[in-house]
Amino acid sequence: MKSTFLNWYTQSLGATLGIIASIYAYLNGYMFVYSNISRNFDNLSFGGVISSYFLLPLCIITLLLGLAKSCIDDKIIYKISLKSFNKLIIIMTVIVGFLGAHIYFVFPAIFILFEFYEDKIKIDLFNHNEELDKELSQEVQIKDKVEAEIENKIEIDKDNDLITRKDLLQSEKSKKILLTKIEMTKDLLTRKANKQFIMEITGLSLNEIENIENKL
Protein backbone atom coordinates (compact mmCIF):
# COMPACT_ATOMS: atom_id res chain seq x y z
CA MET A 1 0.00 0.00 0.00
CA LYS A 2 1.48 3.39 -1.01
CA SER A 3 2.29 5.91 1.73
CA THR A 4 0.12 8.72 0.29
CA PHE A 5 -2.89 6.44 0.00
CA LEU A 6 -2.35 5.07 3.51
CA ASN A 7 -2.07 8.62 4.84
CA TRP A 8 -5.42 9.97 3.61
CA TYR A 9 -7.12 6.59 4.09
CA THR A 10 -6.25 6.48 7.81
CA GLN A 11 -7.31 10.11 8.30
CA SER A 12 -10.69 9.47 6.66
CA LEU A 13 -11.16 6.29 8.67
CA GLY A 14 -10.28 8.12 11.89
CA ALA A 15 -12.74 10.91 11.07
CA THR A 16 -15.48 8.33 10.42
CA LEU A 17 -14.76 6.71 13.79
CA GLY A 18 -14.80 10.20 15.30
CA ILE A 19 -18.33 10.78 13.96
CA ILE A 20 -19.41 7.48 15.54
CA ALA A 21 -17.75 8.52 18.84
CA SER A 22 -19.62 11.85 18.66
CA ILE A 23 -22.94 10.07 18.24
CA TYR A 24 -22.07 7.82 21.20
CA ALA A 25 -21.24 10.93 23.27
CA TYR A 26 -24.62 12.46 22.36
CA LEU A 27 -26.40 9.26 23.43
CA ASN A 28 -24.54 9.12 26.76
CA GLY A 29 -25.09 12.75 27.67
CA TYR A 30 -21.46 13.91 27.29
CA MET A 31 -22.68 16.30 24.60
CA PHE A 32 -26.01 17.70 23.43
CA VAL A 33 -27.37 18.50 19.99
CA TYR A 34 -27.54 22.18 19.04
CA SER A 35 -31.23 22.62 19.94
CA ASN A 36 -30.67 21.37 23.50
CA ILE A 37 -27.30 22.97 24.30
CA SER A 38 -28.67 26.26 25.65
CA ARG A 39 -31.13 24.43 27.90
CA ASN A 40 -28.50 22.11 29.38
CA PHE A 41 -25.57 24.40 30.21
CA ASP A 42 -25.79 23.34 33.86
CA ASN A 43 -25.37 19.67 32.93
CA LEU A 44 -22.37 20.20 30.64
CA SER A 45 -18.75 20.93 31.40
CA PHE A 46 -16.83 23.56 29.47
CA GLY A 47 -15.40 20.81 27.25
CA GLY A 48 -18.88 19.40 26.73
CA VAL A 49 -20.17 22.78 25.50
CA ILE A 50 -17.22 23.28 23.10
CA SER A 51 -17.45 19.74 21.74
CA SER A 52 -21.24 19.94 21.36
CA TYR A 53 -20.81 22.88 19.01
CA PHE A 54 -17.65 21.89 17.13
CA LEU A 55 -16.80 18.16 17.35
CA LEU A 56 -19.19 16.79 14.73
CA PRO A 57 -18.42 19.57 12.18
CA LEU A 58 -14.67 19.12 12.75
CA CYS A 59 -14.95 15.34 12.19
CA ILE A 60 -16.85 15.93 8.94
CA ILE A 61 -14.25 18.49 7.76
CA THR A 62 -11.43 16.07 8.69
CA LEU A 63 -13.16 13.33 6.69
CA LEU A 64 -13.51 15.58 3.63
CA LEU A 65 -9.91 16.81 3.90
CA GLY A 66 -8.70 13.22 4.14
CA LEU A 67 -10.49 12.43 0.89
CA ALA A 68 -9.25 15.67 -0.71
CA LYS A 69 -5.61 14.87 0.20
CA SER A 70 -5.61 12.06 -2.33
CA CYS A 71 -5.68 14.56 -5.20
CA ILE A 72 -4.91 18.11 -3.94
CA ASP A 73 -2.45 17.56 -1.08
CA ASP A 74 0.08 20.13 -2.35
CA LYS A 75 -2.43 22.80 -3.39
CA ILE A 76 -2.34 26.35 -2.01
CA ILE A 77 -5.68 28.17 -1.60
CA TYR A 78 -5.67 31.90 -0.73
CA LYS A 79 -1.96 31.63 0.18
CA ILE A 80 -2.75 28.88 2.67
CA SER A 81 -1.25 25.44 2.14
CA LEU A 82 -3.87 22.71 2.25
CA LYS A 83 -1.36 20.52 4.09
CA SER A 84 -0.86 23.09 6.89
CA PHE A 85 -4.60 23.75 7.13
CA ASN A 86 -5.24 20.00 7.34
CA LYS A 87 -2.76 19.61 10.22
CA LEU A 88 -4.43 22.47 12.12
CA ILE A 89 -7.89 20.89 11.68
CA ILE A 90 -6.53 17.48 12.76
CA ILE A 91 -5.09 18.88 16.01
CA MET A 92 -8.28 20.82 16.78
CA THR A 93 -10.43 17.74 16.07
CA VAL A 94 -8.40 15.53 18.42
CA ILE A 95 -8.41 18.10 21.25
CA VAL A 96 -12.14 18.79 20.97
CA GLY A 97 -12.76 15.04 20.56
CA PHE A 98 -11.16 14.24 23.91
CA LEU A 99 -13.05 17.12 25.55
CA GLY A 100 -16.39 15.76 24.34
CA ALA A 101 -16.10 11.99 23.83
CA HIS A 102 -13.34 11.47 26.41
CA ILE A 103 -11.70 8.03 26.25
CA TYR A 104 -13.97 6.94 23.38
CA PHE A 105 -12.00 9.22 21.06
CA VAL A 106 -8.74 7.28 21.52
CA PHE A 107 -9.14 5.05 18.47
CA PRO A 108 -10.28 7.87 16.16
CA ALA A 109 -7.30 9.95 17.35
CA ILE A 110 -4.84 7.13 16.56
CA PHE A 111 -5.99 7.03 12.94
CA ILE A 112 -6.44 10.78 12.53
CA LEU A 113 -2.93 11.53 13.85
CA PHE A 114 -1.28 8.85 11.69
CA GLU A 115 0.35 11.55 9.54
CA PHE A 116 2.31 12.84 12.55
CA TYR A 117 3.97 9.55 13.54
CA GLU A 118 4.15 7.95 10.09
CA ASP A 119 7.80 9.01 9.63
CA LYS A 120 8.70 7.57 13.05
CA ILE A 121 7.19 4.23 12.02
CA LYS A 122 9.16 4.31 8.76
CA ILE A 123 12.41 5.05 10.62
CA ASP A 124 11.76 2.25 13.13
CA LEU A 125 10.97 -0.19 10.32
CA PHE A 126 14.09 0.88 8.42
CA ASN A 127 16.29 0.44 11.51
CA HIS A 128 14.67 -2.92 12.23
CA ASN A 129 15.31 -4.07 8.65
CA GLU A 130 18.92 -2.88 8.90
CA GLU A 131 19.39 -4.88 12.12
CA LEU A 132 17.87 -7.95 10.47
CA ASP A 133 20.17 -7.54 7.44
CA LYS A 134 23.18 -7.16 9.76
CA GLU A 135 22.23 -10.28 11.75
CA LEU A 136 21.64 -12.21 8.52
CA SER A 137 25.02 -11.09 7.19
CA GLN A 138 26.72 -12.21 10.41
CA GLU A 139 24.96 -15.58 10.26
CA VAL A 140 26.08 -16.04 6.64
CA GLN A 141 29.68 -15.16 7.58
CA ILE A 142 29.63 -17.61 10.51
CA LYS A 143 28.14 -20.30 8.27
CA ASP A 144 30.81 -19.72 5.60
CA LYS A 145 33.53 -19.83 8.25
CA VAL A 146 32.22 -23.11 9.69
CA GLU A 147 31.93 -24.63 6.21
CA ALA A 148 35.50 -23.54 5.40
CA GLU A 149 36.78 -25.09 8.65
CA ILE A 150 34.94 -28.34 7.89
CA GLU A 151 36.39 -28.43 4.36
CA ASN A 152 39.90 -27.78 5.71
CA LYS A 153 39.49 -30.56 8.29
CA ILE A 154 38.33 -32.95 5.56
CA GLU A 155 41.37 -32.04 3.42
CA ILE A 156 43.70 -32.51 6.40
CA ASP A 157 42.11 -35.90 7.18
CA LYS A 158 42.52 -36.90 3.53
CA ASP A 159 46.18 -35.84 3.56
CA ASN A 160 46.82 -37.71 6.82
CA ASP A 161 45.10 -40.79 5.46
CA LEU A 162 47.22 -40.59 2.29
CA ILE A 163 50.42 -40.25 4.33
CA THR A 164 49.43 -43.23 6.50
CA ARG A 165 48.81 -45.36 3.42
CA LYS A 166 52.19 -44.39 1.97
CA ASP A 167 53.91 -45.30 5.24
CA LEU A 168 52.17 -48.68 5.27
CA LEU A 169 53.19 -49.37 1.68
CA GLN A 170 56.78 -48.41 2.38
CA SER A 171 56.79 -50.58 5.51
CA GLU A 172 55.43 -53.59 3.62
CA LYS A 173 57.95 -53.01 0.83
CA SER A 174 60.80 -52.83 3.36
CA LYS A 175 59.62 -56.08 4.98
CA LYS A 176 59.59 -57.86 1.64
CA ILE A 177 63.08 -56.60 0.82
CA LEU A 178 64.38 -57.71 4.24
CA LEU A 179 62.82 -61.16 3.87
CA THR A 180 64.39 -61.46 0.42
CA LYS A 181 67.79 -60.52 1.83
CA ILE A 182 67.41 -63.07 4.66
CA GLU A 183 66.48 -65.85 2.23
CA MET A 184 69.39 -64.91 -0.02
CA THR A 185 71.75 -64.92 2.98
CA LYS A 186 70.49 -68.36 4.07
CA ASP A 187 71.03 -69.69 0.55
CA LEU A 188 74.57 -68.28 0.32
CA LEU A 189 75.48 -69.57 3.80
CA THR A 190 74.23 -73.01 2.81
CA ARG A 191 76.57 -72.84 -0.20
CA LYS A 192 79.49 -71.89 2.09
CA ALA A 193 79.87 -68.44 0.52
CA ASN A 194 82.25 -65.88 2.00
CA LYS A 195 80.57 -63.68 4.62
CA GLN A 196 82.26 -60.57 3.23
CA PHE A 197 80.77 -61.42 -0.18
CA ILE A 198 77.31 -61.89 1.43
CA MET A 199 77.60 -58.50 3.16
CA GLU A 200 78.35 -56.78 -0.15
CA ILE A 201 75.43 -58.42 -1.98
CA THR A 202 72.73 -58.19 0.71
CA GLY A 203 73.82 -55.06 2.56
CA LEU A 204 73.40 -56.86 5.90
CA SER A 205 75.89 -56.38 8.72
CA LEU A 206 78.22 -59.14 9.92
CA ASN A 207 76.25 -59.55 13.17
CA GLU A 208 72.98 -59.97 11.23
CA ILE A 209 74.58 -62.60 8.99
CA GLU A 210 75.97 -64.48 12.01
CA ASN A 211 72.54 -64.40 13.71
CA ILE A 212 70.97 -65.91 10.59
CA GLU A 213 73.74 -68.52 10.48
CA ASN A 214 73.12 -69.51 14.10
CA LYS A 215 69.43 -70.11 13.33
CA LEU A 216 70.21 -72.51 10.48
C-alpha atoms as a PDB file:
ATOM      1  CA  MET A   1       0.000   0.000   0.000  1.00  0.00           C
ATOM      2  CA  LYS A   2       1.479   3.395  -1.011  1.00  0.00           C
ATOM      3  CA  SER A   3       2.286   5.907   1.733  1.00  0.00           C
ATOM      4  CA  THR A   4       0.117   8.724   0.286  1.00  0.00           C
ATOM      5  CA  PHE A   5      -2.892   6.436  -0.004  1.00  0.00           C
ATOM      6  CA  LEU A   6      -2.345   5.073   3.510  1.00  0.00           C
ATOM      7  CA  ASN A   7      -2.069   8.622   4.840  1.00  0.00           C
ATOM      8  CA  TRP A   8      -5.419   9.967   3.611  1.00  0.00           C
ATOM      9  CA  TYR A   9      -7.119   6.588   4.089  1.00  0.00           C
ATOM     10  CA  THR A  10      -6.251   6.479   7.807  1.00  0.00           C
ATOM     11  CA  GLN A  11      -7.310  10.111   8.304  1.00  0.00           C
ATOM     12  CA  SER A  12     -10.690   9.475   6.665  1.00  0.00           C
ATOM     13  CA  LEU A  13     -11.156   6.286   8.667  1.00  0.00           C
ATOM     14  CA  GLY A  14     -10.278   8.118  11.895  1.00  0.00           C
ATOM     15  CA  ALA A  15     -12.744  10.911  11.074  1.00  0.00           C
ATOM     16  CA  THR A  16     -15.477   8.330  10.425  1.00  0.00           C
ATOM     17  CA  LEU A  17     -14.763   6.705  13.794  1.00  0.00           C
ATOM     18  CA  GLY A  18     -14.804  10.203  15.296  1.00  0.00           C
ATOM     19  CA  ILE A  19     -18.331  10.780  13.962  1.00  0.00           C
ATOM     20  CA  ILE A  20     -19.406   7.484  15.538  1.00  0.00           C
ATOM     21  CA  ALA A  21     -17.753   8.523  18.837  1.00  0.00           C
ATOM     22  CA  SER A  22     -19.622  11.848  18.661  1.00  0.00           C
ATOM     23  CA  ILE A  23     -22.942  10.071  18.239  1.00  0.00           C
ATOM     24  CA  TYR A  24     -22.072   7.824  21.196  1.00  0.00           C
ATOM     25  CA  ALA A  25     -21.237  10.926  23.270  1.00  0.00           C
ATOM     26  CA  TYR A  26     -24.624  12.456  22.362  1.00  0.00           C
ATOM     27  CA  LEU A  27     -26.399   9.264  23.426  1.00  0.00           C
ATOM     28  CA  ASN A  28     -24.535   9.122  26.762  1.00  0.00           C
ATOM     29  CA  GLY A  29     -25.087  12.754  27.672  1.00  0.00           C
ATOM     30  CA  TYR A  30     -21.465  13.908  27.294  1.00  0.00           C
ATOM     31  CA  MET A  31     -22.677  16.297  24.596  1.00  0.00           C
ATOM     32  CA  PHE A  32     -26.013  17.698  23.432  1.00  0.00           C
ATOM     33  CA  VAL A  33     -27.368  18.497  19.988  1.00  0.00           C
ATOM     34  CA  TYR A  34     -27.542  22.177  19.041  1.00  0.00           C
ATOM     35  CA  SER A  35     -31.228  22.625  19.937  1.00  0.00           C
ATOM     36  CA  ASN A  36     -30.669  21.368  23.497  1.00  0.00           C
ATOM     37  CA  ILE A  37     -27.302  22.972  24.303  1.00  0.00           C
ATOM     38  CA  SER A  38     -28.672  26.263  25.648  1.00  0.00           C
ATOM     39  CA  ARG A  39     -31.132  24.429  27.905  1.00  0.00           C
ATOM     40  CA  ASN A  40     -28.498  22.114  29.382  1.00  0.00           C
ATOM     41  CA  PHE A  41     -25.569  24.398  30.214  1.00  0.00           C
ATOM     42  CA  ASP A  42     -25.788  23.340  33.856  1.00  0.00           C
ATOM     43  CA  ASN A  43     -25.368  19.668  32.934  1.00  0.00           C
ATOM     44  CA  LEU A  44     -22.373  20.202  30.635  1.00  0.00           C
ATOM     45  CA  SER A  45     -18.750  20.930  31.401  1.00  0.00           C
ATOM     46  CA  PHE A  46     -16.832  23.564  29.468  1.00  0.00           C
ATOM     47  CA  GLY A  47     -15.404  20.807  27.254  1.00  0.00           C
ATOM     48  CA  GLY A  48     -18.879  19.403  26.726  1.00  0.00           C
ATOM     49  CA  VAL A  49     -20.168  22.776  25.495  1.00  0.00           C
ATOM     50  CA  ILE A  50     -17.220  23.280  23.100  1.00  0.00           C
ATOM     51  CA  SER A  51     -17.453  19.737  21.735  1.00  0.00           C
ATOM     52  CA  SER A  52     -21.237  19.939  21.363  1.00  0.00           C
ATOM     53  CA  TYR A  53     -20.807  22.876  19.006  1.00  0.00           C
ATOM     54  CA  PHE A  54     -17.648  21.890  17.134  1.00  0.00           C
ATOM     55  CA  LEU A  55     -16.797  18.155  17.350  1.00  0.00           C
ATOM     56  CA  LEU A  56     -19.185  16.791  14.733  1.00  0.00           C
ATOM     57  CA  PRO A  57     -18.421  19.566  12.183  1.00  0.00           C
ATOM     58  CA  LEU A  58     -14.669  19.117  12.751  1.00  0.00           C
ATOM     59  CA  CYS A  59     -14.946  15.339  12.194  1.00  0.00           C
ATOM     60  CA  ILE A  60     -16.849  15.925   8.943  1.00  0.00           C
ATOM     61  CA  ILE A  61     -14.253  18.487   7.762  1.00  0.00           C
ATOM     62  CA  THR A  62     -11.433  16.068   8.690  1.00  0.00           C
ATOM     63  CA  LEU A  63     -13.155  13.331   6.695  1.00  0.00           C
ATOM     64  CA  LEU A  64     -13.509  15.581   3.633  1.00  0.00           C
ATOM     65  CA  LEU A  65      -9.911  16.811   3.899  1.00  0.00           C
ATOM     66  CA  GLY A  66      -8.702  13.222   4.140  1.00  0.00           C
ATOM     67  CA  LEU A  67     -10.489  12.425   0.890  1.00  0.00           C
ATOM     68  CA  ALA A  68      -9.247  15.669  -0.708  1.00  0.00           C
ATOM     69  CA  LYS A  69      -5.614  14.871   0.197  1.00  0.00           C
ATOM     70  CA  SER A  70      -5.613  12.059  -2.327  1.00  0.00           C
ATOM     71  CA  CYS A  71      -5.675  14.561  -5.204  1.00  0.00           C
ATOM     72  CA  ILE A  72      -4.906  18.109  -3.945  1.00  0.00           C
ATOM     73  CA  ASP A  73      -2.449  17.564  -1.085  1.00  0.00           C
ATOM     74  CA  ASP A  74       0.078  20.134  -2.348  1.00  0.00           C
ATOM     75  CA  LYS A  75      -2.430  22.799  -3.393  1.00  0.00           C
ATOM     76  CA  ILE A  76      -2.340  26.354  -2.010  1.00  0.00           C
ATOM     77  CA  ILE A  77      -5.679  28.166  -1.600  1.00  0.00           C
ATOM     78  CA  TYR A  78      -5.672  31.895  -0.726  1.00  0.00           C
ATOM     79  CA  LYS A  79      -1.962  31.634   0.179  1.00  0.00           C
ATOM     80  CA  ILE A  80      -2.753  28.882   2.674  1.00  0.00           C
ATOM     81  CA  SER A  81      -1.252  25.443   2.141  1.00  0.00           C
ATOM     82  CA  LEU A  82      -3.868  22.710   2.249  1.00  0.00           C
ATOM     83  CA  LYS A  83      -1.360  20.520   4.086  1.00  0.00           C
ATOM     84  CA  SER A  84      -0.862  23.087   6.890  1.00  0.00           C
ATOM     85  CA  PHE A  85      -4.602  23.750   7.131  1.00  0.00           C
ATOM     86  CA  ASN A  86      -5.237  20.004   7.340  1.00  0.00           C
ATOM     87  CA  LYS A  87      -2.760  19.609  10.224  1.00  0.00           C
ATOM     88  CA  LEU A  88      -4.429  22.467  12.122  1.00  0.00           C
ATOM     89  CA  ILE A  89      -7.887  20.886  11.680  1.00  0.00           C
ATOM     90  CA  ILE A  90      -6.531  17.484  12.760  1.00  0.00           C
ATOM     91  CA  ILE A  91      -5.092  18.880  16.006  1.00  0.00           C
ATOM     92  CA  MET A  92      -8.279  20.819  16.779  1.00  0.00           C
ATOM     93  CA  THR A  93     -10.428  17.736  16.072  1.00  0.00           C
ATOM     94  CA  VAL A  94      -8.403  15.532  18.418  1.00  0.00           C
ATOM     95  CA  ILE A  95      -8.407  18.104  21.247  1.00  0.00           C
ATOM     96  CA  VAL A  96     -12.144  18.788  20.967  1.00  0.00           C
ATOM     97  CA  GLY A  97     -12.760  15.037  20.560  1.00  0.00           C
ATOM     98  CA  PHE A  98     -11.163  14.237  23.913  1.00  0.00           C
ATOM     99  CA  LEU A  99     -13.046  17.116  25.552  1.00  0.00           C
ATOM    100  CA  GLY A 100     -16.387  15.763  24.339  1.00  0.00           C
ATOM    101  CA  ALA A 101     -16.102  11.994  23.827  1.00  0.00           C
ATOM    102  CA  HIS A 102     -13.342  11.469  26.412  1.00  0.00           C
ATOM    103  CA  ILE A 103     -11.700   8.028  26.246  1.00  0.00           C
ATOM    104  CA  TYR A 104     -13.971   6.944  23.382  1.00  0.00           C
ATOM    105  CA  PHE A 105     -12.004   9.224  21.063  1.00  0.00           C
ATOM    106  CA  VAL A 106      -8.739   7.278  21.524  1.00  0.00           C
ATOM    107  CA  PHE A 107      -9.145   5.050  18.470  1.00  0.00           C
ATOM    108  CA  PRO A 108     -10.283   7.868  16.162  1.00  0.00           C
ATOM    109  CA  ALA A 109      -7.302   9.949  17.354  1.00  0.00           C
ATOM    110  CA  ILE A 110      -4.837   7.133  16.561  1.00  0.00           C
ATOM    111  CA  PHE A 111      -5.995   7.035  12.936  1.00  0.00           C
ATOM    112  CA  ILE A 112      -6.445  10.784  12.533  1.00  0.00           C
ATOM    113  CA  LEU A 113      -2.929  11.528  13.849  1.00  0.00           C
ATOM    114  CA  PHE A 114      -1.279   8.853  11.691  1.00  0.00           C
ATOM    115  CA  GLU A 115       0.353  11.547   9.541  1.00  0.00           C
ATOM    116  CA  PHE A 116       2.309  12.837  12.554  1.00  0.00           C
ATOM    117  CA  TYR A 117       3.971   9.548  13.544  1.00  0.00           C
ATOM    118  CA  GLU A 118       4.150   7.952  10.088  1.00  0.00           C
ATOM    119  CA  ASP A 119       7.795   9.008   9.634  1.00  0.00           C
ATOM    120  CA  LYS A 120       8.702   7.574  13.054  1.00  0.00           C
ATOM    121  CA  ILE A 121       7.193   4.226  12.024  1.00  0.00           C
ATOM    122  CA  LYS A 122       9.159   4.309   8.762  1.00  0.00           C
ATOM    123  CA  ILE A 123      12.412   5.047  10.618  1.00  0.00           C
ATOM    124  CA  ASP A 124      11.760   2.247  13.131  1.00  0.00           C
ATOM    125  CA  LEU A 125      10.973  -0.194  10.316  1.00  0.00           C
ATOM    126  CA  PHE A 126      14.094   0.883   8.416  1.00  0.00           C
ATOM    127  CA  ASN A 127      16.289   0.445  11.509  1.00  0.00           C
ATOM    128  CA  HIS A 128      14.669  -2.921  12.231  1.00  0.00           C
ATOM    129  CA  ASN A 129      15.311  -4.074   8.652  1.00  0.00           C
ATOM    130  CA  GLU A 130      18.922  -2.877   8.904  1.00  0.00           C
ATOM    131  CA  GLU A 131      19.394  -4.875  12.115  1.00  0.00           C
ATOM    132  CA  LEU A 132      17.875  -7.952  10.472  1.00  0.00           C
ATOM    133  CA  ASP A 133      20.174  -7.535   7.443  1.00  0.00           C
ATOM    134  CA  LYS A 134      23.181  -7.162   9.757  1.00  0.00           C
ATOM    135  CA  GLU A 135      22.226 -10.276  11.754  1.00  0.00           C
ATOM    136  CA  LEU A 136      21.637 -12.210   8.524  1.00  0.00           C
ATOM    137  CA  SER A 137      25.023 -11.089   7.187  1.00  0.00           C
ATOM    138  CA  GLN A 138      26.724 -12.208  10.414  1.00  0.00           C
ATOM    139  CA  GLU A 139      24.961 -15.582  10.265  1.00  0.00           C
ATOM    140  CA  VAL A 140      26.085 -16.041   6.640  1.00  0.00           C
ATOM    141  CA  GLN A 141      29.679 -15.159   7.585  1.00  0.00           C
ATOM    142  CA  ILE A 142      29.631 -17.611  10.506  1.00  0.00           C
ATOM    143  CA  LYS A 143      28.144 -20.304   8.265  1.00  0.00           C
ATOM    144  CA  ASP A 144      30.806 -19.723   5.596  1.00  0.00           C
ATOM    145  CA  LYS A 145      33.533 -19.832   8.249  1.00  0.00           C
ATOM    146  CA  VAL A 146      32.219 -23.108   9.691  1.00  0.00           C
ATOM    147  CA  GLU A 147      31.930 -24.635   6.206  1.00  0.00           C
ATOM    148  CA  ALA A 148      35.495 -23.539   5.396  1.00  0.00           C
ATOM    149  CA  GLU A 149      36.781 -25.091   8.646  1.00  0.00           C
ATOM    150  CA  ILE A 150      34.939 -28.336   7.892  1.00  0.00           C
ATOM    151  CA  GLU A 151      36.393 -28.432   4.361  1.00  0.00           C
ATOM    152  CA  ASN A 152      39.903 -27.784   5.708  1.00  0.00           C
ATOM    153  CA  LYS A 153      39.489 -30.556   8.287  1.00  0.00           C
ATOM    154  CA  ILE A 154      38.330 -32.950   5.564  1.00  0.00           C
ATOM    155  CA  GLU A 155      41.365 -32.038   3.425  1.00  0.00           C
ATOM    156  CA  ILE A 156      43.702 -32.509   6.402  1.00  0.00           C
ATOM    157  CA  ASP A 157      42.113 -35.899   7.177  1.00  0.00           C
ATOM    158  CA  LYS A 158      42.524 -36.902   3.526  1.00  0.00           C
ATOM    159  CA  ASP A 159      46.184 -35.845   3.555  1.00  0.00           C
ATOM    160  CA  ASN A 160      46.824 -37.708   6.823  1.00  0.00           C
ATOM    161  CA  ASP A 161      45.101 -40.794   5.456  1.00  0.00           C
ATOM    162  CA  LEU A 162      47.218 -40.592   2.288  1.00  0.00           C
ATOM    163  CA  ILE A 163      50.421 -40.247   4.331  1.00  0.00           C
ATOM    164  CA  THR A 164      49.432 -43.234   6.502  1.00  0.00           C
ATOM    165  CA  ARG A 165      48.808 -45.357   3.416  1.00  0.00           C
ATOM    166  CA  LYS A 166      52.188 -44.387   1.965  1.00  0.00           C
ATOM    167  CA  ASP A 167      53.913 -45.298   5.239  1.00  0.00           C
ATOM    168  CA  LEU A 168      52.175 -48.682   5.268  1.00  0.00           C
ATOM    169  CA  LEU A 169      53.187 -49.372   1.676  1.00  0.00           C
ATOM    170  CA  GLN A 170      56.784 -48.411   2.377  1.00  0.00           C
ATOM    171  CA  SER A 171      56.792 -50.576   5.514  1.00  0.00           C
ATOM    172  CA  GLU A 172      55.431 -53.586   3.615  1.00  0.00           C
ATOM    173  CA  LYS A 173      57.954 -53.007   0.832  1.00  0.00           C
ATOM    174  CA  SER A 174      60.802 -52.827   3.356  1.00  0.00           C
ATOM    175  CA  LYS A 175      59.617 -56.077   4.984  1.00  0.00           C
ATOM    176  CA  LYS A 176      59.591 -57.857   1.635  1.00  0.00           C
ATOM    177  CA  ILE A 177      63.081 -56.602   0.819  1.00  0.00           C
ATOM    178  CA  LEU A 178      64.380 -57.706   4.236  1.00  0.00           C
ATOM    179  CA  LEU A 179      62.818 -61.156   3.866  1.00  0.00           C
ATOM    180  CA  THR A 180      64.386 -61.465   0.421  1.00  0.00           C
ATOM    181  CA  LYS A 181      67.793 -60.522   1.831  1.00  0.00           C
ATOM    182  CA  ILE A 182      67.406 -63.069   4.657  1.00  0.00           C
ATOM    183  CA  GLU A 183      66.478 -65.849   2.226  1.00  0.00           C
ATOM    184  CA  MET A 184      69.394 -64.910  -0.023  1.00  0.00           C
ATOM    185  CA  THR A 185      71.753 -64.924   2.981  1.00  0.00           C
ATOM    186  CA  LYS A 186      70.494 -68.360   4.067  1.00  0.00           C
ATOM    187  CA  ASP A 187      71.026 -69.695   0.550  1.00  0.00           C
ATOM    188  CA  LEU A 188      74.567 -68.284   0.324  1.00  0.00           C
ATOM    189  CA  LEU A 189      75.478 -69.568   3.798  1.00  0.00           C
ATOM    190  CA  THR A 190      74.234 -73.012   2.813  1.00  0.00           C
ATOM    191  CA  ARG A 191      76.573 -72.844  -0.198  1.00  0.00           C
ATOM    192  CA  LYS A 192      79.490 -71.887   2.094  1.00  0.00           C
ATOM    193  CA  ALA A 193      79.867 -68.437   0.518  1.00  0.00           C
ATOM    194  CA  ASN A 194      82.246 -65.881   2.000  1.00  0.00           C
ATOM    195  CA  LYS A 195      80.571 -63.679   4.618  1.00  0.00           C
ATOM    196  CA  GLN A 196      82.256 -60.574   3.229  1.00  0.00           C
ATOM    197  CA  PHE A 197      80.767 -61.420  -0.178  1.00  0.00           C
ATOM    198  CA  ILE A 198      77.313 -61.892   1.426  1.00  0.00           C
ATOM    199  CA  MET A 199      77.597 -58.496   3.161  1.00  0.00           C
ATOM    200  CA  GLU A 200      78.354 -56.784  -0.151  1.00  0.00           C
ATOM    201  CA  ILE A 201      75.432 -58.417  -1.977  1.00  0.00           C
ATOM    202  CA  THR A 202      72.725 -58.188   0.708  1.00  0.00           C
ATOM    203  CA  GLY A 203      73.822 -55.063   2.562  1.00  0.00           C
ATOM    204  CA  LEU A 204      73.403 -56.862   5.897  1.00  0.00           C
ATOM    205  CA  SER A 205      75.889 -56.382   8.723  1.00  0.00           C
ATOM    206  CA  LEU A 206      78.215 -59.144   9.923  1.00  0.00           C
ATOM    207  CA  ASN A 207      76.255 -59.547  13.171  1.00  0.00           C
ATOM    208  CA  GLU A 208      72.985 -59.967  11.230  1.00  0.00           C
ATOM    209  CA  ILE A 209      74.578 -62.605   8.994  1.00  0.00           C
ATOM    210  CA  GLU A 210      75.966 -64.480  12.012  1.00  0.00           C
ATOM    211  CA  ASN A 211      72.539 -64.404  13.709  1.00  0.00           C
ATOM    212  CA  ILE A 212      70.974 -65.906  10.591  1.00  0.00           C
ATOM    213  CA  GLU A 213      73.739 -68.524  10.476  1.00  0.00           C
ATOM    214  CA  ASN A 214      73.116 -69.510  14.096  1.00  0.00           C
ATOM    215  CA  LYS A 215      69.434 -70.105  13.332  1.00  0.00           C
ATOM    216  CA  LEU A 216      70.209 -72.509  10.478  1.00  0.00           C
END
